Amino acid sequence: MAVTAVEVVYRGIFQRLLSRNICRTIALAARKEGKIGTAFGRYSDSPERNGIPAKYFAVVADDPEELQETLAQYEPKSVDVTIVVDDSMCKGIESWAWYGLQPINDITKEGGTVIVTSLQDSADLLEDMHVKDAPYNLAIVKGPKSFSGLWVYKDDHTDVRILGALAKVAPQLVGIETYKETIREQWDELKETSAERSHDRLQITPVEPGQGNTEEPFSFDLPGWEEMEDALVVRPVGVGGGFRGEEGGFQAERNDKFKKWPTRTMRPVINFETCTKCTLCWLQCPDTCFDVTPEGLYDSDMESCCGCGVCEDVCPVPDCVTMVNESNFNDNSSQHDFWKRDRDGYMAWLEQMQAAATAEKGEAGRSHGLYEWDGYEKEIEITGVTGDD
């Protein structure tokens, strides 16, 4: 049976139109080659929300019967290509509170390909991507994250550049010439050129079994129907107690099943030396991420932080809280523990993180969308990556 499936893993709301464009164009191009295809989205078991990982699928077959047989299931259980339009999701995704943390390559077939939009190289991305017991390929479309919003589309050619890459890694799906024709009909010749250049310049890295992040993703057992209680039961979460179980400070009690960090594209980095203990980050954090240390400082629990940036916005002290791109981190360890253990080392690390944030932001603002009319032009100037590179 000649069926090819593609998944696009994207940030809910921020990249919905981007993902739809990619999958819709796959289906339209497949029809030009005499195949039959369909594109559809799903939000796992939750409504789509800001930043929550979600998926779009494109499935292409040689005839309607093959397509219907494949789509008889809720969604593809394995795919030939996984497309990741935000490289911070390479660490794994948790779409809501149902599956637990899923490796980004979880349903990529043996010999399949993961396409990632990123400014990182393959070695850096593989530090985050969980190991598989079968070989696959990693392809990188060079470029920054493409964020916009539910009703606003950021036309930076990310969609067509991914399609050009897809033609190279999965030519059996649709060929590059067919993609170019379909793109030209929907948009213009400039975007057609971007797709062609992406196809010609794409670098593909083979990934061997066992290569990557060896940390076991957290998971949990779901109750069967015989274990379900009558009616709706919502267990309360406790209030909490002393910081790290000590007498002083306060640490909130949290749901040990639901981790919010996979929704994060940036995380706060704290300067404990300049903190005035004003309490604003602790009070204003919408996810109750901050814990009060015995000395009255505030340590963010990185497994609970979704990276919204409210703490940076409300902090009255310049550079006391700095939002830094998630690609600069490999774990969710406590910053306060690091500071207490090695203050000089922490302050040197903090300076590096602040420099990285400054270099990425420039004058274009955070990566959570653009806030100025010329924001896209400024982003091009900062990153050096254009839509037709």
Protein backbone atom coordinates (compact mmCIF):
# COMPACT_ATOMS: atom_id res chain seq x y z
CA MET A 1 0.00 0.00 0.00
CA ALA A 2 1.54 3.32 -1.12
CA VAL A 3 0.56 5.71 1.65
CA THR A 4 2.78 8.53 2.92
CA ALA A 5 1.99 10.44 6.10
CA VAL A 6 3.42 13.73 7.36
CA GLU A 7 2.91 15.40 10.74
CA VAL A 8 3.56 19.06 11.48
CA VAL A 9 4.13 19.74 15.17
CA TYR A 10 3.45 23.40 15.92
CA ARG A 11 2.76 25.91 18.67
CA GLY A 12 -0.98 26.29 19.19
CA ILE A 13 -2.42 29.59 17.89
CA PHE A 14 1.06 31.01 17.12
CA GLN A 15 1.73 28.69 14.17
CA ARG A 16 -1.67 27.33 13.24
CA LEU A 17 -1.93 29.04 9.86
CA LEU A 18 1.66 28.11 9.03
CA SER A 19 0.95 24.43 9.65
CA ARG A 20 -2.32 24.53 7.76
CA ASN A 21 -0.59 26.10 4.76
CA ILE A 22 2.04 23.36 4.69
CA CYS A 23 -0.39 20.44 4.91
CA ARG A 24 -2.97 21.99 2.58
CA THR A 25 -0.32 22.54 -0.10
CA ILE A 26 0.89 18.94 0.25
CA ALA A 27 -2.64 17.69 -0.47
CA LEU A 28 -3.14 20.08 -3.41
CA ALA A 29 0.22 19.18 -4.95
CA ALA A 30 -0.45 15.45 -4.56
CA ARG A 31 -3.61 15.76 -6.64
CA LYS A 32 -1.56 17.24 -9.49
CA GLU A 33 0.39 13.98 -9.57
CA GLY A 34 -2.75 11.86 -9.76
CA LYS A 35 -2.74 10.91 -6.09
CA ILE A 36 -5.31 11.61 -3.44
CA GLY A 37 -4.53 13.39 -0.21
CA THR A 38 -6.10 15.09 2.75
CA ALA A 39 -4.98 17.52 5.44
CA PHE A 40 -6.43 17.83 8.91
CA GLY A 41 -5.54 19.21 12.30
CA ARG A 42 -5.98 17.97 15.81
CA TYR A 43 -5.25 19.36 19.24
CA SER A 44 -4.78 16.06 21.03
CA ASP A 45 -7.23 16.01 23.94
CA SER A 46 -7.37 19.78 24.52
CA PRO A 47 -8.61 22.89 22.78
CA GLU A 48 -5.86 24.73 20.98
CA ARG A 49 -4.19 27.27 23.28
CA ASN A 50 -1.33 29.76 23.08
CA GLY A 51 1.94 27.88 22.78
CA ILE A 52 0.56 24.42 23.56
CA PRO A 53 2.03 21.87 21.11
CA ALA A 54 -0.52 20.74 18.55
CA LYS A 55 -0.43 18.76 15.30
CA TYR A 56 -1.52 18.98 11.69
CA PHE A 57 -1.38 15.97 9.38
CA ALA A 58 -1.18 15.40 5.64
CA VAL A 59 -1.81 11.89 4.31
CA VAL A 60 -1.34 11.00 0.64
CA ALA A 61 -2.26 7.73 -1.10
CA ASP A 62 -2.44 6.35 -4.62
CA ASP A 63 -6.19 5.71 -4.50
CA PRO A 64 -9.22 6.52 -2.29
CA GLU A 65 -9.43 3.03 -0.77
CA GLU A 66 -5.89 3.21 0.55
CA LEU A 67 -6.53 6.64 2.00
CA GLN A 68 -9.77 5.59 3.70
CA GLU A 69 -8.13 2.53 5.21
CA THR A 70 -5.38 4.68 6.69
CA LEU A 71 -7.78 7.30 8.02
CA ALA A 72 -10.00 4.73 9.69
CA GLN A 73 -7.87 5.36 12.76
CA TYR A 74 -8.04 8.58 14.75
CA GLU A 75 -4.69 9.78 13.42
CA PRO A 76 -1.55 8.21 11.91
CA LYS A 77 0.31 6.06 14.42
CA SER A 78 3.53 6.44 12.43
CA VAL A 79 4.65 9.00 9.86
CA ASP A 80 7.27 9.17 7.16
CA VAL A 81 8.17 12.76 7.98
CA THR A 82 7.87 14.81 11.17
CA ILE A 83 8.05 18.57 10.62
CA VAL A 84 8.95 20.70 13.65
CA VAL A 85 8.36 24.43 13.19
CA ASP A 86 9.79 25.44 16.58
CA ASP A 87 13.09 23.81 17.55
CA SER A 88 12.43 24.18 21.29
CA MET A 89 9.91 21.33 20.89
CA CYS A 90 12.79 18.98 20.02
CA LYS A 91 13.04 18.42 23.78
CA GLY A 92 9.66 16.68 23.66
CA ILE A 93 6.05 17.79 23.74
CA GLU A 94 3.14 17.47 26.11
CA SER A 95 0.02 18.58 24.32
CA TRP A 96 -2.01 18.84 27.48
CA ALA A 97 -2.25 16.33 30.34
CA TRP A 98 -2.99 13.06 28.65
CA TYR A 99 -0.02 11.43 26.97
CA GLY A 100 2.76 12.66 29.21
CA LEU A 101 5.93 13.88 27.53
CA GLN A 102 6.26 12.55 23.98
CA PRO A 103 9.62 12.57 22.18
CA ILE A 104 9.40 14.76 19.10
CA ASN A 105 10.43 11.78 16.93
CA ASP A 106 8.09 9.37 18.70
CA ILE A 107 6.05 8.32 15.65
CA THR A 108 8.70 8.93 12.96
CA LYS A 109 9.17 5.69 11.02
CA GLU A 110 12.45 3.82 10.73
CA GLY A 111 14.37 5.51 7.95
CA GLY A 112 12.02 8.51 8.10
CA THR A 113 13.01 12.14 8.50
CA VAL A 114 12.58 14.87 11.08
CA ILE A 115 12.64 18.34 9.46
CA VAL A 116 13.34 21.16 11.93
CA THR A 117 13.24 24.91 11.38
CA SER A 118 16.22 26.11 13.41
CA LEU A 119 19.35 28.24 13.60
CA GLN A 120 21.05 25.45 15.56
CA ASP A 121 23.13 22.70 13.99
CA SER A 122 22.36 18.97 14.09
CA ALA A 123 24.69 18.25 17.04
CA ASP A 124 22.90 20.82 19.21
CA LEU A 125 19.46 19.57 18.24
CA LEU A 126 20.40 15.95 18.94
CA GLU A 127 21.33 16.90 22.50
CA ASP A 128 17.61 17.52 22.99
CA MET A 129 15.97 14.86 20.80
CA HIS A 130 15.30 11.58 22.59
CA VAL A 131 16.98 8.45 21.29
CA LYS A 132 15.19 5.97 19.05
CA ASP A 133 15.96 2.29 18.59
CA ALA A 134 15.86 2.69 14.80
CA PRO A 135 17.78 4.97 12.41
CA TYR A 136 16.23 8.10 10.95
CA ASN A 137 17.37 11.34 9.32
CA LEU A 138 17.54 14.89 10.63
CA ALA A 139 17.13 17.77 8.17
CA ILE A 140 17.43 21.43 9.17
CA VAL A 141 15.73 24.32 7.39
CA LYS A 142 17.86 27.26 8.53
CA GLY A 143 15.76 30.06 9.96
CA PRO A 144 14.23 31.49 13.14
CA LYS A 145 10.89 30.49 14.61
CA SER A 146 7.95 31.81 12.61
CA PHE A 147 5.38 33.10 15.11
CA SER A 148 2.33 35.20 14.37
CA GLY A 149 -1.16 34.51 15.72
CA LEU A 150 -4.53 32.93 15.11
CA TRP A 151 -5.75 35.42 12.51
CA VAL A 152 -2.42 36.97 11.48
CA TYR A 153 0.03 35.16 9.22
CA LYS A 154 3.75 35.96 9.11
CA ASP A 155 4.60 35.43 5.44
CA ASP A 156 8.35 34.88 5.81
CA HIS A 157 8.48 31.93 3.38
CA THR A 158 8.85 29.36 6.16
CA ASP A 159 5.96 27.37 4.67
CA VAL A 160 7.42 27.04 1.18
CA ARG A 161 10.97 26.49 2.42
CA ILE A 162 9.69 23.52 4.41
CA LEU A 163 7.85 22.23 1.33
CA GLY A 164 11.07 22.45 -0.67
CA ALA A 165 12.86 20.44 2.02
CA LEU A 166 10.02 17.92 2.08
CA ALA A 167 10.41 17.32 -1.65
CA LYS A 168 14.04 16.38 -1.07
CA VAL A 169 13.55 14.02 1.88
CA ALA A 170 10.32 12.43 0.60
CA PRO A 171 10.25 12.67 -3.22
CA GLN A 172 7.82 9.75 -3.32
CA LEU A 173 5.23 12.04 -1.72
CA VAL A 174 5.39 14.94 -4.18
CA GLY A 175 8.22 16.13 -6.42
CA ILE A 176 9.80 19.58 -6.27
CA GLU A 177 8.49 20.63 -9.68
CA THR A 178 4.92 19.89 -8.62
CA TYR A 179 5.39 21.83 -5.39
CA LYS A 180 6.77 24.78 -7.38
CA GLU A 181 3.75 24.77 -9.68
CA THR A 182 1.33 24.59 -6.74
CA ILE A 183 3.16 27.36 -4.87
CA ARG A 184 3.18 29.60 -7.94
CA GLU A 185 -0.59 29.16 -8.31
CA GLN A 186 -1.26 30.00 -4.65
CA TRP A 187 1.33 32.74 -4.10
CA ASP A 188 4.03 34.02 -6.47
CA GLU A 189 7.32 33.23 -8.18
CA LEU A 190 9.39 34.59 -5.28
CA LYS A 191 8.00 31.94 -2.92
CA GLU A 192 8.49 29.34 -5.63
CA THR A 193 12.18 30.33 -5.75
CA SER A 194 12.43 30.03 -1.96
CA ALA A 195 11.13 26.46 -2.12
CA GLU A 196 13.60 25.54 -4.86
CA ARG A 197 16.57 27.02 -2.99
CA SER A 198 15.59 25.23 0.21
CA HIS A 199 15.39 21.96 -1.72
CA ASP A 200 18.81 22.42 -3.31
CA ARG A 201 20.62 23.57 -0.14
CA LEU A 202 19.09 21.22 2.43
CA GLN A 203 21.61 19.32 4.56
CA ILE A 204 20.54 15.92 5.88
CA THR A 205 22.23 14.17 8.81
CA PRO A 206 21.76 10.40 9.39
CA VAL A 207 20.92 9.59 13.02
CA GLU A 208 21.90 6.17 14.34
CA PRO A 209 19.95 4.12 16.93
CA GLY A 210 20.76 5.30 20.43
CA GLN A 211 22.06 8.68 19.27
CA GLY A 212 20.57 11.65 21.11
CA ASN A 213 19.19 12.44 24.55
CA THR A 214 19.13 9.25 26.63
CA GLU A 215 16.92 10.67 29.40
CA GLU A 216 13.71 8.69 29.76
CA PRO A 217 10.66 10.92 29.12
CA PHE A 218 8.32 11.14 32.09
CA SER A 219 5.11 9.20 31.75
CA PHE A 220 2.24 7.90 33.84
CA ASP A 221 -0.37 5.15 33.75
CA LEU A 222 -3.86 6.13 32.68
CA PRO A 223 -6.75 4.53 34.60
CA GLY A 224 -8.86 2.02 32.73
CA TRP A 225 -12.64 2.28 32.60
CA GLU A 226 -13.01 -0.09 35.54
CA GLU A 227 -10.93 2.24 37.69
CA MET A 228 -12.85 5.40 36.83
CA GLU A 229 -14.88 6.82 39.68
CA ASP A 230 -18.51 7.83 39.41
CA ALA A 231 -19.24 11.38 38.28
CA LEU A 232 -16.52 13.97 37.86
CA VAL A 233 -13.75 13.83 40.45
CA VAL A 234 -11.22 16.67 40.63
CA ARG A 235 -8.66 16.13 43.35
CA PRO A 236 -7.50 19.33 45.04
CA VAL A 237 -3.83 20.26 45.05
CA GLY A 238 -2.39 21.01 48.46
CA VAL A 239 -1.34 24.46 49.56
CA GLY A 240 2.35 23.72 49.97
CA GLY A 241 4.90 24.35 52.68
CA GLY A 242 8.48 25.37 53.41
CA PHE A 243 11.02 25.76 50.62
CA ARG A 244 12.58 22.34 49.83
CA GLY A 245 10.95 21.03 52.97
CA GLU A 246 12.77 23.53 55.19
CA GLU A 247 11.27 25.78 57.84
CA GLY A 248 11.70 29.06 55.97
CA GLY A 249 10.30 30.24 52.67
CA PHE A 250 7.38 28.72 50.77
CA GLN A 251 7.08 26.15 48.01
CA ALA A 252 3.75 25.57 46.32
CA GLU A 253 2.46 22.03 45.92
CA ARG A 254 2.04 21.14 42.23
CA ASN A 255 0.45 18.48 40.07
CA ASP A 256 3.17 15.86 39.61
CA LYS A 257 1.60 14.61 36.37
CA PHE A 258 1.20 17.82 34.38
CA LYS A 259 4.44 19.56 33.39
CA LYS A 260 4.10 22.88 31.59
CA TRP A 261 7.66 23.32 30.36
CA PRO A 262 7.10 21.71 26.92
CA THR A 263 4.95 24.76 26.05
CA ARG A 264 7.94 27.06 26.58
CA THR A 265 9.98 28.81 23.91
CA MET A 266 11.80 31.07 26.39
CA ARG A 267 12.51 30.87 30.12
CA PRO A 268 13.24 33.46 32.81
CA VAL A 269 16.78 33.79 34.12
CA ILE A 270 17.02 35.46 37.53
CA ASN A 271 19.68 37.82 38.90
CA PHE A 272 19.48 36.99 42.59
CA GLU A 273 22.08 39.68 43.40
CA THR A 274 19.86 42.56 42.25
CA CYS A 275 16.48 41.13 43.36
CA THR A 276 14.76 43.57 45.77
CA LYS A 277 12.28 40.95 47.03
CA CYS A 278 9.36 43.05 45.82
CA THR A 279 7.19 39.88 45.39
CA LEU A 280 5.78 40.95 41.99
CA CYS A 281 7.03 37.92 40.02
CA TRP A 282 5.67 35.60 42.71
CA LEU A 283 2.29 37.35 42.83
CA GLN A 284 1.80 37.84 39.09
CA CYS A 285 2.99 34.49 37.71
CA PRO A 286 -0.18 32.91 36.22
CA ASP A 287 1.13 29.37 36.80
CA THR A 288 2.41 29.81 40.38
CA CYS A 289 5.94 28.94 39.27
CA PHE A 290 7.90 30.97 41.80
CA ASP A 291 8.92 29.57 45.18
CA VAL A 292 10.02 31.77 48.07
CA THR A 293 13.49 30.82 49.32
CA PRO A 294 14.42 31.06 53.03
CA GLU A 295 16.26 34.33 52.35
CA GLY A 296 13.20 35.82 50.63
CA LEU A 297 14.32 35.44 47.02
CA TYR A 298 12.27 33.84 44.25
CA ASP A 299 13.26 30.65 42.43
CA SER A 300 11.22 29.64 39.40
CA ASP A 301 10.23 25.97 39.19
CA MET A 302 11.25 25.23 35.61
CA GLU A 303 9.01 22.21 35.19
CA SER A 304 5.98 24.42 35.87
CA CYS A 305 7.06 27.49 33.88
CA CYS A 306 5.39 27.90 30.46
CA GLY A 307 7.61 30.83 29.44
CA CYS A 308 4.91 33.49 29.19
CA GLY A 309 7.26 36.31 30.22
CA VAL A 310 4.94 38.00 32.73
CA CYS A 311 7.70 37.93 35.37
CA GLU A 312 10.04 39.90 33.11
CA ASP A 313 7.29 42.41 32.34
CA VAL A 314 6.37 43.14 35.97
CA CYS A 315 9.88 43.14 37.47
CA PRO A 316 10.82 46.75 38.33
CA VAL A 317 14.59 46.08 38.37
CA PRO A 318 16.36 46.27 34.96
CA ASP A 319 17.75 42.89 33.86
CA CYS A 320 16.77 41.17 37.11
CA VAL A 321 14.50 38.83 35.12
CA THR A 322 15.54 38.11 31.53
CA MET A 323 13.67 35.89 29.10
CA VAL A 324 16.19 33.70 27.26
CA ASN A 325 15.61 31.37 24.29
CA GLU A 326 14.95 27.80 25.42
CA SER A 327 17.59 26.45 23.02
CA ASN A 328 20.27 27.67 25.47
CA PHE A 329 19.25 25.11 28.13
CA ASN A 330 19.48 21.35 28.46
CA ASP A 331 17.62 20.73 31.72
CA ASN A 332 15.16 22.21 34.21
CA SER A 333 17.50 22.45 37.18
CA SER A 334 17.11 25.12 39.85
CA GLN A 335 18.87 28.42 39.20
CA HIS A 336 18.78 29.24 42.90
CA ASP A 337 20.62 26.00 43.72
CA PHE A 338 23.29 26.93 41.16
CA TRP A 339 23.62 30.44 42.64
CA LYS A 340 23.90 29.15 46.20
CA ARG A 341 26.49 26.54 45.19
CA ASP A 342 28.71 28.79 43.06
CA ARG A 343 27.85 32.50 43.04
CA ASP A 344 30.77 33.56 40.84
CA GLY A 345 30.05 30.77 38.36
CA TYR A 346 26.38 31.62 38.32
CA MET A 347 26.97 35.32 37.69
CA ALA A 348 29.33 34.50 34.81
CA TRP A 349 26.68 32.16 33.37
CA LEU A 350 23.99 34.81 33.89
CA GLU A 351 26.05 37.31 31.91
CA GLN A 352 26.32 34.82 29.05
CA MET A 353 22.55 34.21 29.08
CA GLN A 354 21.77 37.92 29.09
CA ALA A 355 24.18 38.45 26.20
CA ALA A 356 22.47 35.63 24.26
CA ALA A 357 19.07 37.21 24.91
CA THR A 358 20.30 40.63 23.78
CA ALA A 359 21.82 39.20 20.60
CA GLU A 360 18.60 37.39 19.70
CA LYS A 361 16.18 40.19 20.60
CA GLY A 362 18.12 43.08 19.10
CA GLU A 363 15.52 45.73 18.46
CA ALA A 364 12.87 43.31 17.20
CA GLY A 365 11.50 42.34 20.60
CA ARG A 366 10.83 38.84 21.88
CA SER A 367 10.44 35.88 19.60
CA HIS A 368 6.77 35.70 20.69
CA GLY A 369 5.66 37.52 17.55
CA LEU A 370 6.53 40.95 16.20
CA TYR A 371 5.46 44.16 17.90
CA GLU A 372 6.49 46.79 15.36
CA TRP A 373 5.53 47.43 11.75
CA ASP A 374 9.10 46.84 10.61
CA GLY A 375 9.71 43.97 13.04
CA TYR A 376 10.21 41.37 10.29
CA GLU A 377 12.84 43.53 8.54
CA LYS A 378 14.66 43.98 11.86
CA GLU A 379 14.55 40.22 12.47
CA ILE A 380 16.16 39.60 9.08
CA GLU A 381 18.91 42.09 9.97
CA ILE A 382 19.55 40.36 13.30
CA THR A 383 19.53 36.75 12.13
CA GLY A 384 20.88 37.23 8.62
CA VAL A 385 18.28 34.74 7.36
CA THR A 386 15.76 35.80 4.73
CA GLY A 387 12.78 33.98 3.32
CA ASP A 388 14.55 33.17 0.04
CA ASP A 389 17.93 32.16 1.51
